[in-house]
């Protein structure tokens, strides 16, 4: 296995693990919230995030291994890194700090970074853009869910 794969999937694992810890810290608080009727079951959310982490890490690996090293490449890598930090920040803000509004602001930034990744990678590889598309759809759904939770609990 290539070192780049180990590093990329390792970073993804760390982000997922830290996010899971934030969720565990905030689970009791989360169950006190009023939630919209379209809130999915916890098992579905976990499954979606597992899929998203796998497809996003695969997309990042393909970019690292196959894209020409130019300014656009480094912009894409910076977006992946920014996205990972925003992803972790969302879970920290929402579950650990119990701050749905700040998490909503973060979710908007997450959506923008994923959209930018889909557009920028799509110019070079439809496969990479396709791997990121479930993440884009999920973030849009999560953004709407986050907004609803915030409004229902003001």
Protein backbone atom coordinates (compact mmCIF):
# COMPACT_ATOMS: atom_id res chain seq x y z
CA UNK A 1 0.00 0.00 0.00
CA UNK A 2 1.29 3.45 -0.88
CA UNK A 3 2.33 5.82 1.86
CA UNK A 4 -0.04 8.50 0.49
CA UNK A 5 -2.99 6.12 0.91
CA UNK A 6 -2.01 5.36 4.49
CA UNK A 7 -1.70 9.07 5.29
CA UNK A 8 -4.96 10.12 3.57
CA UNK A 9 -7.03 7.29 5.02
CA UNK A 10 -5.31 7.79 8.39
CA UNK A 11 -6.26 11.47 8.49
CA UNK A 12 -9.80 10.51 7.53
CA UNK A 13 -9.92 7.95 10.34
CA UNK A 14 -8.70 10.52 12.89
CA UNK A 15 -11.33 13.06 11.76
CA UNK A 16 -14.03 10.38 11.99
CA UNK A 17 -12.84 9.23 15.43
CA UNK A 18 -12.69 12.77 16.87
CA UNK A 19 -16.12 13.52 15.41
CA UNK A 20 -17.50 10.35 16.98
CA UNK A 21 -16.13 11.41 20.37
CA UNK A 22 -17.86 14.79 20.08
CA UNK A 23 -21.12 13.04 19.20
CA UNK A 24 -20.76 10.77 22.24
CA UNK A 25 -20.15 13.78 24.51
CA UNK A 26 -23.29 15.47 23.18
CA UNK A 27 -25.67 12.55 22.83
CA UNK A 28 -27.51 13.20 26.08
CA UNK A 29 -28.03 16.87 25.15
CA UNK A 30 -29.06 15.94 21.59
CA UNK A 31 -31.90 13.77 22.91
CA UNK A 32 -33.36 16.80 24.73
CA UNK A 33 -33.76 18.75 21.46
CA UNK A 34 -36.92 19.16 19.44
CA UNK A 35 -36.11 17.56 16.09
CA UNK A 36 -37.87 17.91 12.75
CA UNK A 37 -39.97 14.98 11.54
CA UNK A 38 -37.48 14.25 8.75
CA UNK A 39 -34.60 13.57 11.16
CA UNK A 40 -33.09 10.22 10.14
CA UNK A 41 -32.34 7.40 12.56
CA UNK A 42 -28.90 7.35 14.16
CA UNK A 43 -27.94 4.14 12.31
CA UNK A 44 -28.69 5.84 8.99
CA UNK A 45 -26.60 8.90 9.86
CA UNK A 46 -23.68 6.67 10.92
CA UNK A 47 -23.96 4.66 7.71
CA UNK A 48 -24.01 7.79 5.57
CA UNK A 49 -20.93 9.20 7.30
CA UNK A 50 -19.08 5.91 6.87
CA UNK A 51 -19.82 6.01 3.13
CA UNK A 52 -18.91 9.69 2.89
CA UNK A 53 -15.60 9.28 4.72
CA UNK A 54 -14.68 6.35 2.44
CA UNK A 55 -15.63 8.09 -0.81
CA UNK A 56 -14.03 11.39 0.20
CA UNK A 57 -10.77 9.72 1.23
CA UNK A 58 -10.78 7.80 -2.05
CA UNK A 59 -11.34 11.05 -3.98
CA UNK A 60 -8.49 12.75 -2.12
CA UNK A 61 -6.23 9.78 -2.81
CA UNK A 62 -7.06 9.85 -6.53
CA UNK A 63 -6.34 13.58 -6.66
CA UNK A 64 -3.01 13.09 -4.86
CA UNK A 65 -1.93 10.24 -7.11
CA UNK A 66 -3.21 11.37 -10.51
CA UNK A 67 -3.56 15.15 -10.70
CA UNK A 68 -0.74 17.27 -12.07
CA UNK A 69 1.07 19.25 -9.35
CA UNK A 70 0.10 22.82 -10.23
CA UNK A 71 -1.69 25.72 -8.53
CA UNK A 72 -5.10 24.09 -9.01
CA UNK A 73 -3.84 20.84 -7.46
CA UNK A 74 -2.65 22.66 -4.34
CA UNK A 75 -5.92 24.62 -4.17
CA UNK A 76 -7.82 21.32 -4.23
CA UNK A 77 -5.58 19.84 -1.52
CA UNK A 78 -6.11 22.99 0.58
CA UNK A 79 -9.88 22.58 0.13
CA UNK A 80 -9.73 18.95 1.26
CA UNK A 81 -7.78 20.01 4.37
CA UNK A 82 -10.11 22.93 5.08
CA UNK A 83 -13.09 20.65 4.62
CA UNK A 84 -11.70 18.12 7.10
CA UNK A 85 -11.23 20.88 9.69
CA UNK A 86 -14.72 22.29 9.05
CA UNK A 87 -16.19 18.79 9.29
CA UNK A 88 -14.59 18.28 12.68
CA UNK A 89 -15.54 21.80 13.77
CA UNK A 90 -19.21 21.18 12.95
CA UNK A 91 -19.41 18.16 15.23
CA UNK A 92 -17.51 20.00 17.94
CA UNK A 93 -19.75 23.08 17.72
CA UNK A 94 -23.02 21.18 17.55
CA UNK A 95 -22.51 18.27 19.95
CA UNK A 96 -19.76 19.41 22.30
CA UNK A 97 -20.59 23.13 22.60
CA UNK A 98 -24.35 22.73 22.03
CA UNK A 99 -24.24 25.62 19.54
CA UNK A 100 -26.60 24.80 16.64
CA UNK A 101 -26.38 28.31 15.14
CA UNK A 102 -22.57 28.28 14.98
CA UNK A 103 -22.74 24.75 13.60
CA UNK A 104 -25.14 26.05 10.94
CA UNK A 105 -22.63 28.71 9.88
CA UNK A 106 -20.01 25.97 9.71
CA UNK A 107 -22.39 23.79 7.64
CA UNK A 108 -22.72 26.57 5.07
CA UNK A 109 -18.93 26.73 4.81
CA UNK A 110 -18.80 22.93 4.52
CA UNK A 111 -21.29 23.04 1.67
CA UNK A 112 -19.23 25.71 -0.11
CA UNK A 113 -16.01 23.69 0.23
CA UNK A 114 -17.59 20.48 -1.03
CA UNK A 115 -19.25 22.30 -3.93
CA UNK A 116 -15.89 23.87 -4.82
CA UNK A 117 -14.24 20.44 -4.63
CA UNK A 118 -16.85 18.92 -6.95
CA UNK A 119 -16.45 21.76 -9.46
CA UNK A 120 -12.66 21.90 -9.35
CA UNK A 121 -12.09 18.14 -9.47
CA UNK A 122 -14.81 17.65 -12.08
CA UNK A 123 -12.76 19.64 -14.55
CA UNK A 124 -10.07 16.94 -14.35
CA UNK A 125 -11.92 13.77 -13.32
CA UNK A 126 -15.60 12.93 -13.43
CA UNK A 127 -14.83 9.92 -11.21
CA UNK A 128 -13.45 12.12 -8.41
CA UNK A 129 -16.38 14.54 -8.71
CA UNK A 130 -18.81 11.59 -8.62
CA UNK A 131 -17.14 10.26 -5.45
CA UNK A 132 -17.74 13.66 -3.80
CA UNK A 133 -21.35 14.06 -4.95
CA UNK A 134 -22.93 11.99 -2.11
CA UNK A 135 -21.08 14.23 0.36
CA UNK A 136 -22.45 17.34 -1.35
CA UNK A 137 -26.01 15.98 -1.20
CA UNK A 138 -25.60 14.90 2.43
CA UNK A 139 -24.18 18.25 3.51
CA UNK A 140 -27.09 20.07 1.88
CA UNK A 141 -29.52 17.81 3.74
CA UNK A 142 -27.56 18.20 7.00
CA UNK A 143 -27.54 21.98 6.53
CA UNK A 144 -31.33 22.02 6.24
CA UNK A 145 -31.66 19.68 9.21
CA UNK A 146 -29.28 21.83 11.27
CA UNK A 147 -31.28 24.97 10.39
CA UNK A 148 -34.51 23.26 11.44
CA UNK A 149 -33.02 22.11 14.74
CA UNK A 150 -31.80 25.61 15.46
CA UNK A 151 -35.20 27.18 14.66
CA UNK A 152 -37.15 24.57 16.65
CA UNK A 153 -34.95 25.10 19.72
CA UNK A 154 -34.53 28.87 19.86
